[in-house]
All heavy atoms as atom14 arrays in JSON, in Angstrom:
{
  "sequence": "RRDPAARKRSPREAGLFHTAFLLPSRADLGAWLAHAGRSGLRLQGA",
  "atom14_mask": [
    [1, 1, 1, 1, 1, 1, 1, 1, 1, 1, 1, 0, 0, 0],
    [1, 1, 1, 1, 1, 1, 1, 1, 1, 1, 1, 0, 0, 0],
    [1, 1, 1, 1, 1, 1, 1, 1, 0, 0, 0, 0, 0, 0],
    [1, 1, 1, 1, 1, 1, 1, 0, 0, 0, 0, 0, 0, 0],
    [1, 1, 1, 1, 1, 0, 0, 0, 0, 0, 0, 0, 0, 0],
    [1, 1, 1, 1, 1, 0, 0, 0, 0, 0, 0, 0, 0, 0],
    [1, 1, 1, 1, 1, 1, 1, 1, 1, 1, 1, 0, 0, 0],
    [1, 1, 1, 1, 1, 1, 1, 1, 1, 0, 0, 0, 0, 0],
    [1, 1, 1, 1, 1, 1, 1, 1, 1, 1, 1, 0, 0, 0],
    [1, 1, 1, 1, 1, 1, 0, 0, 0, 0, 0, 0, 0, 0],
    [1, 1, 1, 1, 1, 1, 1, 0, 0, 0, 0, 0, 0, 0],
    [1, 1, 1, 1, 1, 1, 1, 1, 1, 1, 1, 0, 0, 0],
    [1, 1, 1, 1, 1, 1, 1, 1, 1, 0, 0, 0, 0, 0],
    [1, 1, 1, 1, 1, 0, 0, 0, 0, 0, 0, 0, 0, 0],
    [1, 1, 1, 1, 0, 0, 0, 0, 0, 0, 0, 0, 0, 0],
    [1, 1, 1, 1, 1, 1, 1, 1, 0, 0, 0, 0, 0, 0],
    [1, 1, 1, 1, 1, 1, 1, 1, 1, 1, 1, 0, 0, 0],
    [1, 1, 1, 1, 1, 1, 1, 1, 1, 1, 0, 0, 0, 0],
    [1, 1, 1, 1, 1, 1, 1, 0, 0, 0, 0, 0, 0, 0],
    [1, 1, 1, 1, 1, 0, 0, 0, 0, 0, 0, 0, 0, 0],
    [1, 1, 1, 1, 1, 1, 1, 1, 1, 1, 1, 0, 0, 0],
    [1, 1, 1, 1, 1, 1, 1, 1, 0, 0, 0, 0, 0, 0],
    [1, 1, 1, 1, 1, 1, 1, 1, 0, 0, 0, 0, 0, 0],
    [1, 1, 1, 1, 1, 1, 1, 0, 0, 0, 0, 0, 0, 0],
    [1, 1, 1, 1, 1, 1, 0, 0, 0, 0, 0, 0, 0, 0],
    [1, 1, 1, 1, 1, 1, 1, 1, 1, 1, 1, 0, 0, 0],
    [1, 1, 1, 1, 1, 0, 0, 0, 0, 0, 0, 0, 0, 0],
    [1, 1, 1, 1, 1, 1, 1, 1, 0, 0, 0, 0, 0, 0],
    [1, 1, 1, 1, 1, 1, 1, 1, 0, 0, 0, 0, 0, 0],
    [1, 1, 1, 1, 0, 0, 0, 0, 0, 0, 0, 0, 0, 0],
    [1, 1, 1, 1, 1, 0, 0, 0, 0, 0, 0, 0, 0, 0],
    [1, 1, 1, 1, 1, 1, 1, 1, 1, 1, 1, 1, 1, 1],
    [1, 1, 1, 1, 1, 1, 1, 1, 0, 0, 0, 0, 0, 0],
    [1, 1, 1, 1, 1, 0, 0, 0, 0, 0, 0, 0, 0, 0],
    [1, 1, 1, 1, 1, 1, 1, 1, 1, 1, 0, 0, 0, 0],
    [1, 1, 1, 1, 1, 0, 0, 0, 0, 0, 0, 0, 0, 0],
    [1, 1, 1, 1, 0, 0, 0, 0, 0, 0, 0, 0, 0, 0],
    [1, 1, 1, 1, 1, 1, 1, 1, 1, 1, 1, 0, 0, 0],
    [1, 1, 1, 1, 1, 1, 0, 0, 0, 0, 0, 0, 0, 0],
    [1, 1, 1, 1, 0, 0, 0, 0, 0, 0, 0, 0, 0, 0],
    [1, 1, 1, 1, 1, 1, 1, 1, 0, 0, 0, 0, 0, 0],
    [1, 1, 1, 1, 1, 1, 1, 1, 1, 1, 1, 0, 0, 0],
    [1, 1, 1, 1, 1, 1, 1, 1, 0, 0, 0, 0, 0, 0],
    [1, 1, 1, 1, 1, 1, 1, 1, 1, 0, 0, 0, 0, 0],
    [1, 1, 1, 1, 0, 0, 0, 0, 0, 0, 0, 0, 0, 0],
    [1, 1, 1, 1, 1, 0, 0, 0, 0, 0, 0, 0, 0, 0]
  ],
  "atom14_positions": [
    [[171.94, 171.0, 49.69], [171.35, 171.47, 50.98], [172.03, 172.72, 51.43], [173.28, 172.76, 51.57], [171.49, 170.4, 51.95], [170.93, 169.02, 51.57], [171.24, 168.03, 52.58], [170.75, 166.62, 52.19], [170.87, 165.54, 52.94], [171.55, 165.61, 54.06], [170.37, 164.38, 52.5], [0.0, 0.0, 0.0], [0.0, 0.0, 0.0], [0.0, 0.0, 0.0]],
    [[171.34, 173.82, 51.57], [171.94, 175.12, 51.95], [172.12, 175.13, 53.5], [171.25, 174.86, 54.26], [170.99, 176.2, 51.56], [171.5, 177.6, 51.99], [170.52, 178.71, 51.45], [170.98, 180.02, 51.94], [170.52, 180.57, 53.13], [169.63, 179.94, 53.85], [170.93, 181.78, 53.43], [0.0, 0.0, 0.0], [0.0, 0.0, 0.0], [0.0, 0.0, 0.0]],
    [[173.38, 175.51, 53.91], [173.68, 175.77, 55.31], [174.72, 176.83, 55.36], [175.96, 176.52, 55.36], [174.21, 174.47, 55.92], [174.34, 174.69, 57.48], [174.22, 175.85, 57.96], [174.64, 173.69, 58.18], [0.0, 0.0, 0.0], [0.0, 0.0, 0.0], [0.0, 0.0, 0.0], [0.0, 0.0, 0.0], [0.0, 0.0, 0.0], [0.0, 0.0, 0.0]],
    [[174.27, 178.1, 55.53], [175.28, 179.17, 55.53], [176.2, 179.17, 56.74], [177.29, 179.81, 56.76], [174.38, 180.44, 55.53], [173.04, 179.97, 56.05], [172.88, 178.59, 55.57], [0.0, 0.0, 0.0], [0.0, 0.0, 0.0], [0.0, 0.0, 0.0], [0.0, 0.0, 0.0], [0.0, 0.0, 0.0], [0.0, 0.0, 0.0], [0.0, 0.0, 0.0]],
    [[175.78, 178.45, 57.8], [176.6, 178.35, 59.02], [177.69, 177.2, 58.98], [178.54, 177.16, 59.81], [175.74, 178.17, 60.26], [0.0, 0.0, 0.0], [0.0, 0.0, 0.0], [0.0, 0.0, 0.0], [0.0, 0.0, 0.0], [0.0, 0.0, 0.0], [0.0, 0.0, 0.0], [0.0, 0.0, 0.0], [0.0, 0.0, 0.0], [0.0, 0.0, 0.0]],
    [[177.61, 176.37, 57.92], [178.53, 175.31, 57.86], [179.93, 175.81, 57.62], [180.1, 176.76, 56.85], [178.11, 174.34, 56.78], [0.0, 0.0, 0.0], [0.0, 0.0, 0.0], [0.0, 0.0, 0.0], [0.0, 0.0, 0.0], [0.0, 0.0, 0.0], [0.0, 0.0, 0.0], [0.0, 0.0, 0.0], [0.0, 0.0, 0.0], [0.0, 0.0, 0.0]],
    [[180.88, 175.18, 58.29], [182.32, 175.58, 58.02], [182.72, 175.1, 56.69], [182.18, 174.16, 56.07], [183.23, 174.94, 59.03], [183.36, 173.47, 58.96], [184.33, 172.86, 59.98], [184.5, 171.47, 59.72], [185.24, 170.84, 58.82], [186.02, 171.6, 58.01], [185.27, 169.54, 58.59], [0.0, 0.0, 0.0], [0.0, 0.0, 0.0], [0.0, 0.0, 0.0]],
    [[183.66, 175.74, 56.09], [184.13, 175.43, 54.78], [185.05, 174.24, 54.87], [186.06, 174.28, 55.62], [184.89, 176.59, 54.13], [185.27, 176.32, 52.63], [185.95, 177.56, 52.02], [186.35, 177.26, 50.57], [186.98, 178.46, 49.96], [0.0, 0.0, 0.0], [0.0, 0.0, 0.0], [0.0, 0.0, 0.0], [0.0, 0.0, 0.0], [0.0, 0.0, 0.0]],
    [[184.75, 173.2, 54.14], [185.61, 171.98, 54.17], [187.0, 172.17, 53.62], [187.19, 172.86, 52.64], [184.91, 170.92, 53.36], [185.71, 169.61, 53.2], [184.97, 168.62, 52.35], [185.87, 167.46, 52.0], [186.52, 167.4, 50.87], [186.4, 168.28, 49.95], [187.36, 166.38, 50.7], [0.0, 0.0, 0.0], [0.0, 0.0, 0.0], [0.0, 0.0, 0.0]],
    [[187.96, 171.61, 54.33], [189.34, 171.63, 53.84], [189.56, 170.59, 52.73], [189.06, 169.49, 52.9], [190.33, 171.42, 54.99], [191.59, 171.06, 54.49], [0.0, 0.0, 0.0], [0.0, 0.0, 0.0], [0.0, 0.0, 0.0], [0.0, 0.0, 0.0], [0.0, 0.0, 0.0], [0.0, 0.0, 0.0], [0.0, 0.0, 0.0], [0.0, 0.0, 0.0]],
    [[190.29, 170.92, 51.7], [190.6, 169.84, 50.62], [191.5, 168.75, 51.15], [191.69, 167.78, 50.49], [191.26, 170.67, 49.59], [191.8, 171.89, 50.19], [190.84, 172.18, 51.28], [0.0, 0.0, 0.0], [0.0, 0.0, 0.0], [0.0, 0.0, 0.0], [0.0, 0.0, 0.0], [0.0, 0.0, 0.0], [0.0, 0.0, 0.0], [0.0, 0.0, 0.0]],
    [[192.05, 168.9, 52.42], [192.97, 167.9, 52.98], [192.26, 166.87, 53.86], [192.79, 165.92, 54.32], [194.05, 168.57, 53.77], [194.89, 169.64, 53.05], [195.67, 169.07, 51.89], [196.76, 168.19, 52.35], [197.59, 167.64, 51.55], [197.51, 167.8, 50.26], [198.54, 166.85, 52.05], [0.0, 0.0, 0.0], [0.0, 0.0, 0.0], [0.0, 0.0, 0.0]],
    [[190.93, 167.14, 54.11], [190.23, 166.2, 55.07], [189.44, 165.14, 54.25], [189.37, 165.2, 53.06], [189.25, 167.03, 55.9], [188.13, 167.72, 55.21], [187.3, 168.51, 56.16], [186.43, 167.9, 56.85], [187.46, 169.73, 56.3], [0.0, 0.0, 0.0], [0.0, 0.0, 0.0], [0.0, 0.0, 0.0], [0.0, 0.0, 0.0], [0.0, 0.0, 0.0]],
    [[188.89, 164.26, 55.06], [188.05, 163.18, 54.45], [186.83, 163.79, 53.87], [186.38, 164.91, 54.23], [187.73, 162.16, 55.44], [0.0, 0.0, 0.0], [0.0, 0.0, 0.0], [0.0, 0.0, 0.0], [0.0, 0.0, 0.0], [0.0, 0.0, 0.0], [0.0, 0.0, 0.0], [0.0, 0.0, 0.0], [0.0, 0.0, 0.0], [0.0, 0.0, 0.0]],
    [[186.18, 163.05, 52.94], [185.0, 163.58, 52.29], [184.95, 163.25, 50.83], [185.45, 162.18, 50.38], [0.0, 0.0, 0.0], [0.0, 0.0, 0.0], [0.0, 0.0, 0.0], [0.0, 0.0, 0.0], [0.0, 0.0, 0.0], [0.0, 0.0, 0.0], [0.0, 0.0, 0.0], [0.0, 0.0, 0.0], [0.0, 0.0, 0.0], [0.0, 0.0, 0.0]],
    [[184.45, 164.19, 50.09], [184.3, 163.95, 48.65], [185.58, 164.18, 47.85], [186.21, 165.28, 48.04], [183.2, 164.82, 48.09], [182.82, 164.62, 46.59], [182.08, 163.29, 46.44], [181.87, 165.68, 46.14], [0.0, 0.0, 0.0], [0.0, 0.0, 0.0], [0.0, 0.0, 0.0], [0.0, 0.0, 0.0], [0.0, 0.0, 0.0], [0.0, 0.0, 0.0]],
    [[185.92, 163.3, 46.96], [186.95, 163.53, 45.95], [186.21, 164.02, 44.63], [186.53, 165.03, 44.07], [187.83, 162.3, 45.73], [189.04, 162.57, 44.89], [190.0, 163.4, 45.23], [189.19, 161.86, 43.68], [191.17, 163.65, 44.44], [190.28, 162.07, 42.88], [191.26, 162.9, 43.25], [0.0, 0.0, 0.0], [0.0, 0.0, 0.0], [0.0, 0.0, 0.0]],
    [[185.28, 163.22, 44.19], [184.36, 163.65, 43.1], [183.16, 162.81, 43.03], [183.09, 161.68, 43.47], [185.11, 163.68, 41.77], [185.66, 162.38, 41.31], [186.97, 162.18, 41.06], [185.05, 161.22, 40.9], [187.17, 160.94, 40.56], [186.0, 160.37, 40.49], [0.0, 0.0, 0.0], [0.0, 0.0, 0.0], [0.0, 0.0, 0.0], [0.0, 0.0, 0.0]],
    [[182.09, 163.42, 42.53], [180.87, 162.73, 42.11], [181.07, 162.51, 40.61], [181.34, 163.4, 39.86], [179.66, 163.63, 42.32], [179.56, 163.96, 43.71], [178.42, 162.84, 41.9], [0.0, 0.0, 0.0], [0.0, 0.0, 0.0], [0.0, 0.0, 0.0], [0.0, 0.0, 0.0], [0.0, 0.0, 0.0], [0.0, 0.0, 0.0], [0.0, 0.0, 0.0]],
    [[180.84, 161.27, 40.11], [181.16, 160.89, 38.78], [179.88, 160.63, 38.0], [179.11, 159.73, 38.29], [182.03, 159.59, 38.69], [0.0, 0.0, 0.0], [0.0, 0.0, 0.0], [0.0, 0.0, 0.0], [0.0, 0.0, 0.0], [0.0, 0.0, 0.0], [0.0, 0.0, 0.0], [0.0, 0.0, 0.0], [0.0, 0.0, 0.0], [0.0, 0.0, 0.0]],
    [[179.58, 161.53, 37.02], [178.42, 161.48, 36.23], [178.7, 160.62, 35.0], [179.49, 161.05, 34.11], [177.93, 162.85, 35.94], [177.43, 163.67, 37.06], [178.39, 164.44, 37.82], [176.13, 163.61, 37.48], [177.95, 165.14, 38.93], [175.77, 164.36, 38.64], [176.65, 165.1, 39.32], [0.0, 0.0, 0.0], [0.0, 0.0, 0.0], [0.0, 0.0, 0.0]],
    [[178.02, 159.54, 34.85], [178.19, 158.59, 33.76], [177.27, 158.91, 32.68], [176.02, 158.93, 32.81], [177.95, 157.15, 34.26], [177.97, 156.01, 33.23], [179.3, 155.97, 32.56], [177.57, 154.7, 33.83], [0.0, 0.0, 0.0], [0.0, 0.0, 0.0], [0.0, 0.0, 0.0], [0.0, 0.0, 0.0], [0.0, 0.0, 0.0], [0.0, 0.0, 0.0]],
    [[177.8, 159.12, 31.47], [177.01, 159.34, 30.27], [176.86, 158.05, 29.54], [177.64, 157.16, 29.58], [177.64, 160.41, 29.35], [177.88, 161.8, 29.97], [178.57, 162.74, 28.96], [176.55, 162.37, 30.51], [0.0, 0.0, 0.0], [0.0, 0.0, 0.0], [0.0, 0.0, 0.0], [0.0, 0.0, 0.0], [0.0, 0.0, 0.0], [0.0, 0.0, 0.0]],
    [[175.73, 157.93, 28.75], [175.4, 156.65, 28.14], [176.39, 156.16, 27.12], [176.52, 154.91, 26.83], [174.03, 156.79, 27.56], [173.44, 157.96, 28.26], [174.65, 158.89, 28.61], [0.0, 0.0, 0.0], [0.0, 0.0, 0.0], [0.0, 0.0, 0.0], [0.0, 0.0, 0.0], [0.0, 0.0, 0.0], [0.0, 0.0, 0.0], [0.0, 0.0, 0.0]],
    [[177.1, 157.06, 26.4], [177.92, 156.7, 25.27], [179.13, 157.6, 25.15], [179.16, 158.74, 25.7], [177.1, 156.66, 23.94], [176.89, 157.99, 23.56], [0.0, 0.0, 0.0], [0.0, 0.0, 0.0], [0.0, 0.0, 0.0], [0.0, 0.0, 0.0], [0.0, 0.0, 0.0], [0.0, 0.0, 0.0], [0.0, 0.0, 0.0], [0.0, 0.0, 0.0]],
    [[180.05, 157.16, 24.37], [181.28, 157.97, 24.08], [180.88, 159.23, 23.24], [181.45, 160.31, 23.47], [182.26, 157.16, 23.21], [183.63, 157.8, 23.06], [184.63, 156.83, 22.5], [186.02, 157.36, 22.59], [186.66, 157.95, 21.62], [186.12, 158.17, 20.45], [187.92, 158.43, 21.88], [0.0, 0.0, 0.0], [0.0, 0.0, 0.0], [0.0, 0.0, 0.0]],
    [[179.93, 159.12, 22.41], [179.43, 160.28, 21.62], [178.82, 161.26, 22.56], [178.97, 162.5, 22.35], [178.39, 159.81, 20.59], [0.0, 0.0, 0.0], [0.0, 0.0, 0.0], [0.0, 0.0, 0.0], [0.0, 0.0, 0.0], [0.0, 0.0, 0.0], [0.0, 0.0, 0.0], [0.0, 0.0, 0.0], [0.0, 0.0, 0.0], [0.0, 0.0, 0.0]],
    [[178.11, 160.84, 23.64], [177.59, 161.79, 24.61], [178.68, 162.56, 25.3], [178.59, 163.76, 25.57], [176.69, 161.04, 25.63], [175.39, 160.6, 25.09], [174.65, 161.32, 24.48], [175.09, 159.35, 25.29], [0.0, 0.0, 0.0], [0.0, 0.0, 0.0], [0.0, 0.0, 0.0], [0.0, 0.0, 0.0], [0.0, 0.0, 0.0], [0.0, 0.0, 0.0]],
    [[179.75, 161.79, 25.64], [180.9, 162.52, 26.31], [181.52, 163.51, 25.36], [181.9, 164.58, 25.77], [181.85, 161.46, 26.82], [183.12, 161.96, 27.52], [182.76, 162.82, 28.74], [184.03, 160.88, 27.93], [0.0, 0.0, 0.0], [0.0, 0.0, 0.0], [0.0, 0.0, 0.0], [0.0, 0.0, 0.0], [0.0, 0.0, 0.0], [0.0, 0.0, 0.0]],
    [[181.68, 163.16, 24.11], [182.21, 164.04, 23.17], [181.39, 165.29, 22.98], [181.94, 166.4, 22.88], [0.0, 0.0, 0.0], [0.0, 0.0, 0.0], [0.0, 0.0, 0.0], [0.0, 0.0, 0.0], [0.0, 0.0, 0.0], [0.0, 0.0, 0.0], [0.0, 0.0, 0.0], [0.0, 0.0, 0.0], [0.0, 0.0, 0.0], [0.0, 0.0, 0.0]],
    [[180.08, 165.13, 22.96], [179.16, 166.23, 22.8], [179.24, 167.12, 24.04], [179.25, 168.37, 23.88], [177.75, 165.73, 22.65], [0.0, 0.0, 0.0], [0.0, 0.0, 0.0], [0.0, 0.0, 0.0], [0.0, 0.0, 0.0], [0.0, 0.0, 0.0], [0.0, 0.0, 0.0], [0.0, 0.0, 0.0], [0.0, 0.0, 0.0], [0.0, 0.0, 0.0]],
    [[179.38, 166.53, 25.25], [179.55, 167.37, 26.4], [180.84, 168.08, 26.41], [180.87, 169.27, 26.81], [179.38, 166.5, 27.71], [179.68, 167.31, 28.88], [178.73, 168.17, 29.53], [180.86, 167.57, 29.59], [179.29, 168.84, 30.57], [180.6, 168.49, 30.65], [182.15, 167.03, 29.45], [181.66, 168.93, 31.51], [183.18, 167.48, 30.28], [182.86, 168.38, 31.32]],
    [[181.93, 167.44, 26.0], [183.21, 168.05, 26.01], [183.27, 169.28, 25.11], [183.8, 170.32, 25.36], [184.27, 167.06, 25.6], [185.73, 167.48, 25.71], [186.08, 167.97, 27.11], [186.7, 166.35, 25.3], [0.0, 0.0, 0.0], [0.0, 0.0, 0.0], [0.0, 0.0, 0.0], [0.0, 0.0, 0.0], [0.0, 0.0, 0.0], [0.0, 0.0, 0.0]],
    [[182.58, 169.19, 23.94], [182.43, 170.3, 23.04], [181.68, 171.42, 23.69], [182.01, 172.61, 23.56], [181.79, 169.84, 21.73], [0.0, 0.0, 0.0], [0.0, 0.0, 0.0], [0.0, 0.0, 0.0], [0.0, 0.0, 0.0], [0.0, 0.0, 0.0], [0.0, 0.0, 0.0], [0.0, 0.0, 0.0], [0.0, 0.0, 0.0], [0.0, 0.0, 0.0]],
    [[180.64, 171.07, 24.41], [179.76, 172.09, 25.13], [180.65, 172.74, 26.23], [180.55, 173.95, 26.46], [178.6, 171.37, 25.79], [178.04, 172.0, 26.98], [177.25, 173.16, 26.9], [178.13, 171.7, 28.33], [176.88, 173.51, 28.09], [177.39, 172.67, 29.01], [0.0, 0.0, 0.0], [0.0, 0.0, 0.0], [0.0, 0.0, 0.0], [0.0, 0.0, 0.0]],
    [[181.45, 171.94, 26.95], [182.38, 172.56, 27.9], [183.33, 173.57, 27.33], [183.48, 174.63, 27.91], [183.12, 171.43, 28.65], [0.0, 0.0, 0.0], [0.0, 0.0, 0.0], [0.0, 0.0, 0.0], [0.0, 0.0, 0.0], [0.0, 0.0, 0.0], [0.0, 0.0, 0.0], [0.0, 0.0, 0.0], [0.0, 0.0, 0.0], [0.0, 0.0, 0.0]],
    [[183.77, 173.25, 26.13], [184.71, 174.21, 25.44], [184.0, 175.48, 25.06], [184.48, 176.6, 25.3], [0.0, 0.0, 0.0], [0.0, 0.0, 0.0], [0.0, 0.0, 0.0], [0.0, 0.0, 0.0], [0.0, 0.0, 0.0], [0.0, 0.0, 0.0], [0.0, 0.0, 0.0], [0.0, 0.0, 0.0], [0.0, 0.0, 0.0], [0.0, 0.0, 0.0]],
    [[182.75, 175.31, 24.5], [181.95, 176.58, 24.12], [181.63, 177.39, 25.29], [181.53, 178.6, 25.24], [180.67, 176.06, 23.4], [180.97, 175.5, 21.95], [179.66, 175.33, 21.2], [178.72, 174.49, 21.9], [178.65, 173.16, 21.79], [179.44, 172.53, 20.92], [177.72, 172.48, 22.41], [0.0, 0.0, 0.0], [0.0, 0.0, 0.0], [0.0, 0.0, 0.0]],
    [[181.35, 176.73, 26.43], [180.85, 177.39, 27.63], [182.01, 178.04, 28.42], [181.69, 178.72, 29.37], [180.06, 176.5, 28.53], [179.01, 175.88, 27.87], [0.0, 0.0, 0.0], [0.0, 0.0, 0.0], [0.0, 0.0, 0.0], [0.0, 0.0, 0.0], [0.0, 0.0, 0.0], [0.0, 0.0, 0.0], [0.0, 0.0, 0.0], [0.0, 0.0, 0.0]],
    [[183.26, 177.69, 28.11], [184.4, 178.22, 28.77], [184.6, 177.58, 30.23], [185.14, 178.21, 31.07], [0.0, 0.0, 0.0], [0.0, 0.0, 0.0], [0.0, 0.0, 0.0], [0.0, 0.0, 0.0], [0.0, 0.0, 0.0], [0.0, 0.0, 0.0], [0.0, 0.0, 0.0], [0.0, 0.0, 0.0], [0.0, 0.0, 0.0], [0.0, 0.0, 0.0]],
    [[184.04, 176.41, 30.32], [184.21, 175.74, 31.62], [185.71, 175.42, 31.91], [186.46, 175.08, 31.02], [183.48, 174.34, 31.65], [181.95, 174.35, 31.71], [181.4, 173.01, 31.58], [181.47, 175.12, 32.92], [0.0, 0.0, 0.0], [0.0, 0.0, 0.0], [0.0, 0.0, 0.0], [0.0, 0.0, 0.0], [0.0, 0.0, 0.0], [0.0, 0.0, 0.0]],
    [[186.06, 175.65, 33.16], [187.48, 175.45, 33.55], [187.64, 173.97, 33.94], [187.17, 173.55, 35.0], [187.84, 176.3, 34.73], [189.25, 176.19, 35.18], [189.58, 177.17, 36.24], [190.94, 177.11, 36.7], [191.46, 177.83, 37.71], [190.72, 178.7, 38.4], [192.75, 177.7, 38.08], [0.0, 0.0, 0.0], [0.0, 0.0, 0.0], [0.0, 0.0, 0.0]],
    [[188.27, 173.22, 33.06], [188.5, 171.76, 33.32], [189.83, 171.59, 34.12], [190.83, 172.4, 33.93], [188.58, 171.02, 32.02], [187.33, 171.22, 31.11], [187.47, 170.34, 29.85], [186.06, 170.85, 31.84], [0.0, 0.0, 0.0], [0.0, 0.0, 0.0], [0.0, 0.0, 0.0], [0.0, 0.0, 0.0], [0.0, 0.0, 0.0], [0.0, 0.0, 0.0]],
    [[189.87, 170.57, 34.95], [190.95, 170.35, 35.83], [191.85, 169.17, 35.37], [192.92, 169.0, 35.92], [190.51, 170.07, 37.29], [189.86, 171.34, 37.87], [189.38, 171.19, 39.3], [189.0, 169.99, 39.69], [189.27, 172.16, 40.09], [0.0, 0.0, 0.0], [0.0, 0.0, 0.0], [0.0, 0.0, 0.0], [0.0, 0.0, 0.0], [0.0, 0.0, 0.0]],
    [[191.38, 168.4, 34.47], [192.11, 167.23, 34.01], [191.27, 166.3, 33.15], [190.08, 166.52, 33.02], [0.0, 0.0, 0.0], [0.0, 0.0, 0.0], [0.0, 0.0, 0.0], [0.0, 0.0, 0.0], [0.0, 0.0, 0.0], [0.0, 0.0, 0.0], [0.0, 0.0, 0.0], [0.0, 0.0, 0.0], [0.0, 0.0, 0.0], [0.0, 0.0, 0.0]],
    [[191.9, 165.28, 32.59], [191.25, 164.34, 31.75], [192.17, 163.15, 31.71], [193.37, 163.22, 31.83], [191.01, 164.91, 30.34], [0.0, 0.0, 0.0], [0.0, 0.0, 0.0], [0.0, 0.0, 0.0], [0.0, 0.0, 0.0], [0.0, 0.0, 0.0], [0.0, 0.0, 0.0], [0.0, 0.0, 0.0], [0.0, 0.0, 0.0], [0.0, 0.0, 0.0]]
  ]
}
């Protein structure tokens, strides 16, 4: 939802830590991880 007037949330306040997207299988996660590497996605942890 777009709201250009909304204040920027502080990482120290309540709210979202993360949305967790569940893949059907370990092979799907492996395929996505390879895609993340090819795409240059900046990962924060595992």
